[in-house]
Protein backbone atom coordinates (compact mmCIF):
# COMPACT_ATOMS: atom_id res chain seq x y z
CA MET A 1 -108.75 -75.11 -160.20
CA GLY A 2 -106.91 -71.95 -161.52
CA SER A 3 -105.09 -69.41 -159.38
CA ARG A 4 -107.75 -67.85 -157.09
CA PHE A 5 -108.38 -71.56 -155.39
CA HIS A 6 -104.87 -72.30 -155.24
CA ARG A 7 -104.46 -69.39 -152.95
CA LEU A 8 -107.65 -70.23 -150.82
CA PHE A 9 -106.53 -73.91 -150.62
CA GLY A 10 -102.94 -71.81 -149.28
CA ALA A 11 -104.41 -69.68 -146.84
CA THR A 12 -106.63 -72.53 -145.76
CA LEU A 13 -104.19 -75.21 -144.56
CA VAL A 14 -102.07 -72.90 -143.14
CA SER A 15 -105.01 -71.01 -140.90
CA ALA A 16 -105.68 -74.94 -140.28
CA VAL A 17 -102.20 -75.56 -138.58
CA GLY A 18 -102.57 -72.27 -136.57
CA THR A 19 -106.42 -73.70 -135.38
CA GLY A 20 -104.74 -77.12 -134.80
CA MET A 21 -102.06 -75.17 -132.51
CA HIS A 22 -103.52 -72.87 -130.46
CA ALA A 23 -106.12 -76.19 -129.89
CA ALA A 24 -103.19 -78.19 -128.34
CA ALA A 25 -101.54 -75.34 -126.68
CA LEU A 26 -104.64 -73.31 -124.72
CA PRO A 27 -105.40 -76.14 -123.02
CA LEU A 28 -101.73 -76.86 -121.63
CA LEU A 29 -101.64 -73.04 -121.35
CA THR A 30 -104.64 -72.95 -119.01
CA LEU A 31 -103.05 -76.72 -116.74
CA GLN A 32 -99.76 -74.11 -116.34
CA SER A 33 -102.65 -71.65 -114.48
CA THR A 34 -104.54 -74.22 -112.89
CA ARG A 35 -105.20 -78.36 -112.23
CA SER A 36 -109.10 -77.60 -112.17
CA PRO A 37 -111.18 -79.55 -114.78
CA MET A 38 -113.59 -76.98 -114.86
CA ALA A 39 -110.87 -74.52 -115.63
CA LEU A 40 -110.34 -76.10 -118.60
CA SER A 41 -113.31 -77.60 -120.07
CA LEU A 42 -114.08 -73.53 -119.79
CA VAL A 43 -111.63 -73.09 -121.80
CA VAL A 44 -112.53 -76.01 -124.21
CA ALA A 45 -116.19 -74.83 -124.36
CA ALA A 46 -115.14 -70.81 -124.88
CA ALA A 47 -113.79 -72.23 -128.37
CA GLU A 48 -116.62 -74.00 -129.03
CA ILE A 49 -120.00 -71.33 -128.02
CA PRO A 50 -119.34 -68.92 -130.98
CA TRP A 51 -120.77 -71.46 -133.59
CA VAL A 52 -123.86 -71.02 -131.40
CA LEU A 53 -123.83 -67.41 -130.54
CA VAL A 54 -122.78 -65.93 -133.78
CA SER A 55 -123.24 -68.34 -136.60
CA LEU A 56 -126.13 -67.04 -137.88
CA HIS A 57 -125.12 -62.97 -137.87
CA ALA A 58 -122.20 -64.25 -139.35
CA GLY A 59 -123.63 -66.14 -142.28
CA VAL A 60 -125.05 -62.37 -142.83
CA VAL A 61 -121.94 -60.49 -142.92
CA VAL A 62 -120.56 -63.33 -145.31
CA ASP A 63 -123.53 -62.68 -147.88
CA ARG A 64 -123.17 -58.85 -147.52
CA LEU A 65 -120.10 -58.33 -147.76
CA ASP A 66 -117.41 -59.30 -149.95
CA ARG A 67 -115.94 -62.87 -148.72
CA ARG A 68 -112.24 -62.64 -149.29
CA ARG A 69 -112.52 -59.42 -147.13
CA VAL A 70 -114.30 -61.30 -144.52
CA MET A 71 -111.69 -63.92 -144.66
CA VAL A 72 -109.12 -61.18 -144.51
CA TRP A 73 -110.18 -59.76 -141.06
CA ALA A 74 -111.17 -63.12 -139.29
CA ASP A 75 -107.59 -63.59 -140.25
CA LEU A 76 -106.18 -60.30 -139.18
CA GLY A 77 -108.59 -60.15 -136.06
CA ARG A 78 -107.03 -63.81 -135.17
CA PHE A 79 -103.78 -62.34 -135.32
CA ALA A 80 -104.03 -59.55 -132.74
CA VAL A 81 -105.35 -62.03 -130.05
CA MET A 82 -102.46 -63.97 -130.67
CA VAL A 83 -100.13 -60.96 -130.43
CA ALA A 84 -102.07 -60.02 -127.30
CA LEU A 85 -101.80 -63.40 -125.26
CA VAL A 86 -98.30 -63.33 -126.32
CA VAL A 87 -97.82 -59.98 -125.05
CA LEU A 88 -99.22 -61.03 -121.63
CA LEU A 89 -97.50 -64.28 -121.78
CA LEU A 90 -94.03 -62.43 -121.67
CA THR A 91 -95.08 -60.08 -118.85
CA ALA A 92 -96.56 -62.97 -116.61
CA ARG A 93 -99.64 -61.35 -116.76
CA VAL A 94 -102.28 -64.07 -118.57
CA ASN A 95 -104.66 -65.48 -116.23
CA LEU A 96 -107.96 -67.49 -116.69
CA VAL A 97 -109.89 -64.76 -117.62
CA TRP A 98 -107.71 -63.89 -120.36
CA LEU A 99 -107.35 -67.65 -121.71
CA VAL A 100 -111.00 -67.68 -121.47
CA LEU A 101 -111.49 -64.61 -123.87
CA ALA A 102 -109.02 -65.80 -126.15
CA ALA A 103 -110.11 -68.60 -126.76
CA PHE A 104 -114.01 -67.55 -127.52
CA LEU A 105 -112.23 -64.68 -129.67
CA LEU A 106 -110.76 -67.00 -131.70
CA GLY A 107 -113.60 -69.21 -131.81
CA VAL A 108 -115.60 -65.82 -133.34
CA GLY A 109 -112.82 -65.77 -136.38
CA GLN A 110 -112.98 -69.14 -137.45
CA VAL A 111 -116.64 -69.16 -137.53
CA PHE A 112 -116.33 -66.18 -140.15
CA PHE A 113 -113.07 -67.27 -141.79
CA ASP A 114 -114.60 -71.23 -142.45
CA LEU A 115 -118.13 -69.87 -143.53
CA ALA A 116 -116.57 -67.04 -145.84
CA ALA A 117 -114.12 -69.76 -147.03
CA GLN A 118 -116.92 -72.27 -148.01
CA SER A 119 -119.11 -69.70 -149.41
CA ALA A 120 -116.26 -68.47 -151.96
CA VAL A 121 -115.09 -71.86 -153.65
CA PRO A 122 -118.14 -71.52 -155.92
CA ASP A 123 -117.14 -67.73 -156.39
CA PHE A 124 -113.47 -68.81 -156.82
CA VAL A 125 -113.98 -72.43 -158.90
CA SER A 126 -117.35 -72.42 -160.83
CA ARG A 127 -120.34 -74.47 -159.83
CA ASP A 128 -119.64 -77.45 -162.07
CA PRO A 129 -120.07 -80.42 -159.76
CA ARG A 130 -116.91 -81.81 -160.26
CA HIS A 131 -114.92 -78.80 -159.85
CA LEU A 132 -116.81 -78.20 -156.12
CA ALA A 133 -116.23 -81.85 -155.11
CA THR A 134 -112.51 -81.76 -156.09
CA ALA A 135 -112.43 -78.49 -154.58
CA ASN A 136 -114.23 -79.52 -150.73
CA GLY A 137 -112.06 -82.36 -150.97
CA ARG A 138 -109.05 -80.45 -150.90
CA ILE A 139 -110.69 -78.40 -148.75
CA ALA A 140 -111.16 -80.76 -146.21
CA ALA A 141 -107.74 -82.23 -146.73
CA ALA A 142 -106.45 -78.92 -145.97
CA ASP A 143 -108.24 -78.99 -142.60
CA SER A 144 -107.59 -82.12 -141.80
CA SER A 145 -103.47 -82.26 -141.95
CA GLY A 146 -103.50 -78.39 -140.34
CA GLU A 147 -105.87 -78.98 -137.68
CA ASP A 148 -105.05 -82.90 -136.75
CA PHE A 149 -101.68 -83.75 -138.26
CA VAL A 150 -99.36 -81.16 -138.56
CA GLY A 151 -101.06 -78.03 -135.94
CA PRO A 152 -100.99 -80.35 -132.96
CA PRO A 153 -97.80 -81.89 -132.42
CA LEU A 154 -96.26 -78.29 -133.66
CA GLY A 155 -97.91 -76.65 -131.22
CA SER A 156 -97.40 -79.30 -128.32
CA ALA A 157 -93.45 -79.38 -129.11
CA LEU A 158 -93.11 -75.55 -129.21
CA PHE A 159 -95.02 -75.27 -126.09
CA GLY A 160 -92.54 -77.70 -124.35
CA VAL A 161 -89.70 -75.46 -125.50
CA TRP A 162 -91.05 -72.06 -124.34
CA ASN A 163 -94.05 -71.48 -123.67
CA PHE A 164 -95.40 -68.34 -125.91
CA LEU A 165 -93.61 -69.92 -128.79
CA PRO A 166 -96.66 -71.63 -130.51
CA PHE A 167 -99.05 -68.67 -129.84
CA ALA A 168 -96.56 -66.41 -131.98
CA GLY A 169 -96.28 -68.97 -134.58
CA ASN A 170 -100.38 -68.99 -134.59
CA ALA A 171 -100.13 -65.02 -135.08
CA LEU A 172 -97.24 -65.61 -137.77
CA SER A 173 -100.05 -68.29 -139.71
CA PHE A 174 -102.53 -66.31 -139.68
CA ALA A 175 -101.19 -63.21 -140.86
CA ALA A 176 -99.81 -65.87 -143.79
CA SER A 177 -103.04 -67.03 -144.32
CA GLY A 178 -104.65 -62.80 -144.05
CA LEU A 179 -102.00 -62.12 -147.39
CA LEU A 180 -102.79 -65.00 -149.41
CA ILE A 181 -106.24 -64.20 -149.49
CA LEU A 182 -105.95 -60.40 -149.64
CA SER A 183 -103.38 -61.35 -153.13
CA ILE A 184 -106.46 -63.21 -154.29
CA ARG A 185 -108.37 -60.82 -157.21
CA THR A 186 -111.89 -60.25 -157.16
CA ASP A 187 -114.33 -59.57 -159.76
CA ALA A 188 -118.05 -58.10 -160.39
CA THR A 189 -119.42 -61.48 -159.31
CA THR A 190 -117.70 -61.74 -155.50
CA ASN A 191 -117.53 -57.90 -154.73
CA LYS A 192 -120.53 -56.85 -152.62
CA THR A 193 -121.43 -53.34 -152.28
CA PRO A 194 -124.64 -52.40 -149.80
CA THR A 195 -128.09 -51.24 -151.49
CA ALA A 196 -130.18 -48.68 -150.06
CA ALA A 197 -132.89 -51.38 -150.28
CA ARG A 198 -130.87 -54.05 -147.91
CA LYS A 199 -133.25 -55.93 -145.09
CA SER A 200 -132.64 -55.92 -141.56
CA VAL A 201 -130.28 -58.60 -140.28
CA ARG A 202 -133.40 -59.95 -138.75
CA ASN A 203 -135.04 -60.36 -141.79
CA ASP A 204 -131.88 -61.64 -143.57
CA ILE A 205 -131.39 -64.36 -141.02
CA VAL A 206 -135.09 -65.63 -141.07
CA GLU A 207 -134.34 -66.11 -145.05
CA GLY A 208 -131.58 -67.95 -144.73
CA ILE A 209 -133.15 -70.40 -142.20
CA ARG A 210 -136.45 -70.73 -144.38
CA TRP A 211 -134.67 -71.14 -147.57
CA LEU A 212 -132.65 -73.92 -145.63
CA PHE A 213 -136.28 -75.45 -143.86
CA GLY A 214 -137.99 -74.94 -147.25
CA ASN A 215 -135.76 -76.74 -149.46
CA ARG A 216 -136.38 -80.41 -149.43
CA THR A 217 -132.96 -81.75 -150.27
CA LEU A 218 -130.89 -79.09 -147.70
CA ARG A 219 -133.28 -79.67 -144.86
CA ALA A 220 -132.87 -83.91 -145.55
CA LEU A 221 -129.20 -83.06 -145.64
CA ALA A 222 -129.02 -80.85 -142.62
CA THR A 223 -131.06 -83.52 -140.70
CA VAL A 224 -129.00 -86.66 -141.40
CA SER A 225 -125.87 -84.51 -140.86
CA CYS A 226 -127.25 -83.53 -137.32
CA LEU A 227 -128.04 -87.12 -136.43
CA GLY A 228 -124.71 -88.02 -137.61
CA ASN A 229 -123.43 -85.26 -135.02
CA VAL A 230 -124.87 -87.23 -132.38
CA VAL A 231 -123.18 -90.28 -133.04
CA ALA A 232 -119.84 -89.00 -133.63
CA SER A 233 -119.62 -86.74 -130.32
CA ALA A 234 -120.86 -89.68 -128.31
CA GLN A 235 -118.15 -91.80 -130.11
CA PHE A 236 -115.40 -89.47 -129.43
CA ALA A 237 -116.91 -88.31 -125.82
CA MET A 238 -116.52 -92.04 -124.66
CA LEU A 239 -113.43 -92.71 -126.69
CA ALA A 240 -110.83 -92.29 -124.24
CA LEU A 241 -112.88 -94.47 -121.59
CA LEU A 242 -113.07 -97.41 -124.24
CA ALA A 243 -109.25 -96.96 -124.76
CA LYS A 244 -108.58 -97.36 -121.11
CA GLU A 245 -110.82 -100.38 -119.98
CA VAL A 246 -111.94 -101.85 -123.18
CA LEU A 247 -109.00 -101.79 -125.27
CA GLU A 248 -106.41 -101.19 -122.67
CA LEU A 249 -104.07 -98.49 -124.28
CA PRO A 250 -102.02 -96.39 -122.57
CA ASP A 251 -102.09 -92.95 -122.95
CA VAL A 252 -99.74 -92.91 -126.39
CA GLY A 253 -102.40 -95.71 -127.75
CA PHE A 254 -105.31 -92.77 -126.74
CA GLY A 255 -103.70 -90.61 -129.33
CA LEU A 256 -102.68 -92.94 -131.96
CA LEU A 257 -106.49 -93.89 -132.07
CA LEU A 258 -107.12 -90.13 -133.06
CA THR A 259 -104.32 -90.54 -135.35
CA ALA A 260 -105.91 -93.31 -137.36
CA THR A 261 -109.00 -90.96 -137.55
CA ALA A 262 -106.59 -88.00 -139.12
CA THR A 263 -105.34 -90.40 -141.69
CA GLY A 264 -108.66 -91.60 -142.60
CA ALA A 265 -110.12 -87.90 -143.10
CA LEU A 266 -107.45 -87.07 -145.18
CA VAL A 267 -107.73 -90.32 -147.39
CA GLY A 268 -111.48 -89.19 -147.67
CA GLY A 269 -111.15 -85.79 -148.21
CA LEU A 270 -108.92 -86.41 -151.27
CA ALA A 271 -110.59 -89.55 -152.69
CA ALA A 272 -114.36 -88.35 -152.60
CA ALA A 273 -114.79 -86.33 -155.48
CA ALA A 274 -113.74 -88.97 -157.90
CA ALA A 275 -115.95 -91.59 -156.04
CA SER A 276 -118.83 -89.22 -156.36
CA ARG A 277 -118.11 -89.18 -159.86
CA ARG A 278 -117.79 -93.18 -160.18
CA PHE A 279 -120.37 -93.78 -158.03
CA GLY A 280 -122.97 -90.67 -157.73
CA SER A 281 -122.96 -88.19 -155.00
CA GLY A 282 -126.16 -90.09 -153.41
CA THR A 283 -124.29 -93.38 -153.28
CA VAL A 284 -121.41 -92.03 -151.38
CA LEU A 285 -123.44 -90.00 -148.96
CA LEU A 286 -125.53 -93.33 -148.06
CA ALA A 287 -122.79 -95.94 -147.90
CA ALA A 288 -120.81 -93.40 -146.29
CA LYS A 289 -123.34 -92.93 -143.17
CA ALA A 290 -124.21 -96.66 -143.23
CA GLY A 291 -120.12 -96.93 -143.42
CA VAL A 292 -119.51 -95.19 -140.48
CA GLY A 293 -122.82 -96.61 -138.79
CA ALA A 294 -120.92 -100.23 -139.00
CA ALA A 295 -117.54 -98.90 -137.81
CA VAL A 296 -118.91 -97.64 -134.70
CA LEU A 297 -120.77 -101.00 -134.06
CA VAL A 298 -117.94 -102.96 -134.34
CA LEU A 299 -116.16 -100.52 -132.24
CA GLY A 300 -118.83 -101.40 -129.90
CA LEU A 301 -118.40 -105.15 -130.64
CA VAL A 302 -114.54 -106.13 -131.06
CA ALA A 303 -111.68 -105.39 -128.05
CA ASP A 304 -108.69 -105.61 -130.05
CA SER A 305 -106.94 -102.42 -130.33
CA TRP A 306 -105.53 -103.00 -134.08
CA VAL A 307 -109.40 -103.45 -135.34
CA ALA A 308 -110.13 -100.38 -133.30
CA ALA A 309 -107.52 -98.55 -135.17
CA ALA A 310 -109.11 -99.81 -138.24
CA MET A 311 -112.24 -98.88 -137.93
CA MET A 312 -111.54 -94.85 -136.23
CA ALA A 313 -109.66 -94.79 -139.70
CA VAL A 314 -112.57 -95.87 -141.75
CA THR A 315 -114.97 -93.38 -139.77
CA GLY A 316 -112.69 -90.58 -140.55
CA ALA A 317 -112.53 -90.96 -144.15
CA LEU A 318 -116.87 -91.75 -144.38
CA MET A 319 -117.41 -88.72 -142.30
CA THR A 320 -114.95 -86.20 -144.42
CA ALA A 321 -116.65 -87.85 -147.86
CA GLU A 322 -119.81 -87.67 -146.40
CA LYS A 323 -119.10 -83.64 -145.52
CA VAL A 324 -117.34 -83.16 -149.13
CA VAL A 325 -120.46 -84.26 -150.90
CA VAL A 326 -122.64 -82.70 -148.77
CA SER A 327 -121.05 -79.02 -148.98
CA THR A 328 -120.75 -79.96 -153.01
CA LEU A 329 -124.20 -80.23 -152.77
CA ARG A 330 -125.15 -77.38 -151.01
CA GLN A 331 -122.98 -75.35 -153.33
CA GLN A 332 -125.27 -76.50 -156.39
CA ILE A 333 -128.29 -75.49 -155.02
CA VAL A 334 -128.37 -72.38 -153.10
CA PRO A 335 -127.95 -69.19 -154.95
CA SER A 336 -124.40 -67.53 -154.17
CA GLU A 337 -126.34 -64.11 -152.34
CA LEU A 338 -127.78 -66.95 -150.14
CA MET A 339 -124.50 -68.96 -149.72
CA GLY A 340 -123.47 -67.76 -145.91
CA ARG A 341 -126.67 -67.73 -144.45
CA VAL A 342 -127.73 -71.25 -145.82
CA LEU A 343 -124.65 -72.55 -144.43
CA SER A 344 -124.90 -71.07 -141.17
CA SER A 345 -128.36 -72.33 -140.61
CA SER A 346 -127.16 -75.52 -141.30
CA ARG A 347 -124.48 -75.62 -139.69
CA LEU A 348 -126.21 -74.42 -136.62
CA VAL A 349 -128.45 -77.57 -136.78
CA VAL A 350 -125.82 -79.47 -136.96
CA MET A 351 -123.68 -78.34 -133.63
CA ALA A 352 -127.35 -78.99 -132.13
CA GLY A 353 -126.33 -82.79 -132.24
CA GLY A 354 -122.88 -82.25 -130.27
CA PRO A 355 -124.27 -81.88 -126.86
CA VAL A 356 -126.99 -84.36 -127.28
CA GLY A 357 -124.58 -86.84 -128.61
CA ALA A 358 -122.16 -86.41 -125.77
CA ALA A 359 -125.01 -86.51 -123.02
CA LEU A 360 -126.15 -89.63 -124.32
CA GLY A 361 -123.10 -91.20 -124.68
CA GLY A 362 -122.07 -90.68 -121.23
CA VAL A 363 -125.50 -91.69 -119.75
CA LEU A 364 -125.67 -95.22 -121.83
CA ALA A 365 -122.07 -95.81 -120.55
CA GLY A 366 -123.12 -94.87 -116.75
CA VAL A 367 -126.12 -96.66 -117.01
CA PHE A 368 -124.76 -100.20 -118.94
CA THR A 369 -121.24 -99.90 -120.36
CA VAL A 370 -118.90 -97.99 -122.70
CA GLN A 371 -119.69 -100.57 -125.26
CA VAL A 372 -123.65 -99.67 -125.17
CA PRO A 373 -123.40 -96.00 -126.57
CA TYR A 374 -120.91 -97.38 -129.89
CA VAL A 375 -123.69 -100.29 -130.48
CA ALA A 376 -126.50 -98.07 -130.10
CA GLY A 377 -125.06 -95.59 -132.32
CA GLY A 378 -124.04 -97.66 -135.18
CA VAL A 379 -127.42 -99.49 -135.29
CA PHE A 380 -129.06 -96.04 -135.13
CA LEU A 381 -126.92 -94.54 -138.02
CA ILE A 382 -127.72 -97.66 -140.31
CA LEU A 383 -131.43 -96.79 -139.71
CA VAL A 384 -130.98 -93.09 -140.63
CA THR A 385 -129.74 -94.45 -143.70
CA LEU A 386 -132.61 -96.44 -144.19
CA ILE A 387 -134.85 -93.86 -143.81
CA PHE A 388 -133.14 -91.15 -145.66
CA ARG A 389 -132.01 -93.38 -149.11
CA PRO A 390 -135.62 -92.45 -151.21
CA ARG A 391 -134.88 -88.38 -150.23
CA LEU A 392 -131.12 -88.99 -151.23
CA ASN A 393 -130.23 -91.22 -153.47
CA ASN A 394 -128.55 -90.53 -157.18
CA ARG A 395 -131.78 -89.96 -158.45
CA ALA A 396 -132.95 -87.43 -156.29
CA LEU A 397 -130.13 -85.58 -155.66
CA ALA A 398 -129.59 -85.00 -159.46
CA SER A 399 -132.97 -83.53 -159.83
CA ALA A 400 -132.34 -81.20 -156.65
CA SER A 401 -128.75 -80.37 -158.25
CA LEU A 402 -131.00 -78.85 -161.57
CA ARG A 403 -133.21 -76.87 -159.17
CA PRO A 404 -132.72 -73.05 -159.47
């Protein structure tokens, strides 16, 4: 992988720990200020909405500038937000407005960092599919370890000791990440300089969108991922209700279901490259999509907590393996100078499935029972796999990855 990738991996892991810490600590801090569910939802939504508002423009920035510097500035910005929040906490001036603003700015920083980091992987490794798959698998494992395993419990524990500690820790994590990225040496292929013939931002955005929807394989990958996100959002939106009403689990049991998902995600990220080499990217992608459908279907049919935990681990592993395959294919197909814009356009399409799935899950659970969204979602994903099989099998993806 080389030292440049290892430093990117380390920065991603450290940054993910910081993200996981504030993901757990910000809601807890909100509940210290107010018990309003609406206030809590505002903070959570503020962290997610940057993907809708700024991702397309962030893609332009990632393609125009040195991606290493974009990541450094994203970490520096998040470091400044954390320092400001610590000062507000220590002076007892924090309120809901500041918390919403902090969540939004942290979300903006994450958009820029994530887009730049994923776009930089081919720059720091190579476009060899074997190396890309391994690199993407390790990056996915780092994200899962930091955001799901280490960050949330560490953030919660530090919050219980003194509420400013997790945010001070976050600041340090972002500073460490920025220093690691800054230490990466760049070359002529990764440095970008403005030119007189630079297009307008609007034209750059349109070019990325056209490239995404003009390529049959990329269009199919984005569509399948969006449809998968519809089911995943419905699954996780109704999970607490399923755990309480059907599985009859206590609060700690619900947390263990999430831990099972994170465990599976870690395994899936590390195993995706080897599975792709052994069976082919198309087979892994289609098997993962159908496997998630089967696991979600079982969640809706079986009322056993151990089976539910196993199915959550399976969905975590297969979703992450699919993510690795999609990222690798995109990096093989898309030219480097378009990577940020095509990636941001694709992420926007995928994110659009989230609110649709959450809403559909709530409607189906309200009209029928909480198991119905799982049964419907599982069957739906299996059908999606069958429909897209001709476009996403090994032969179709092999020819797509050879295109310039």
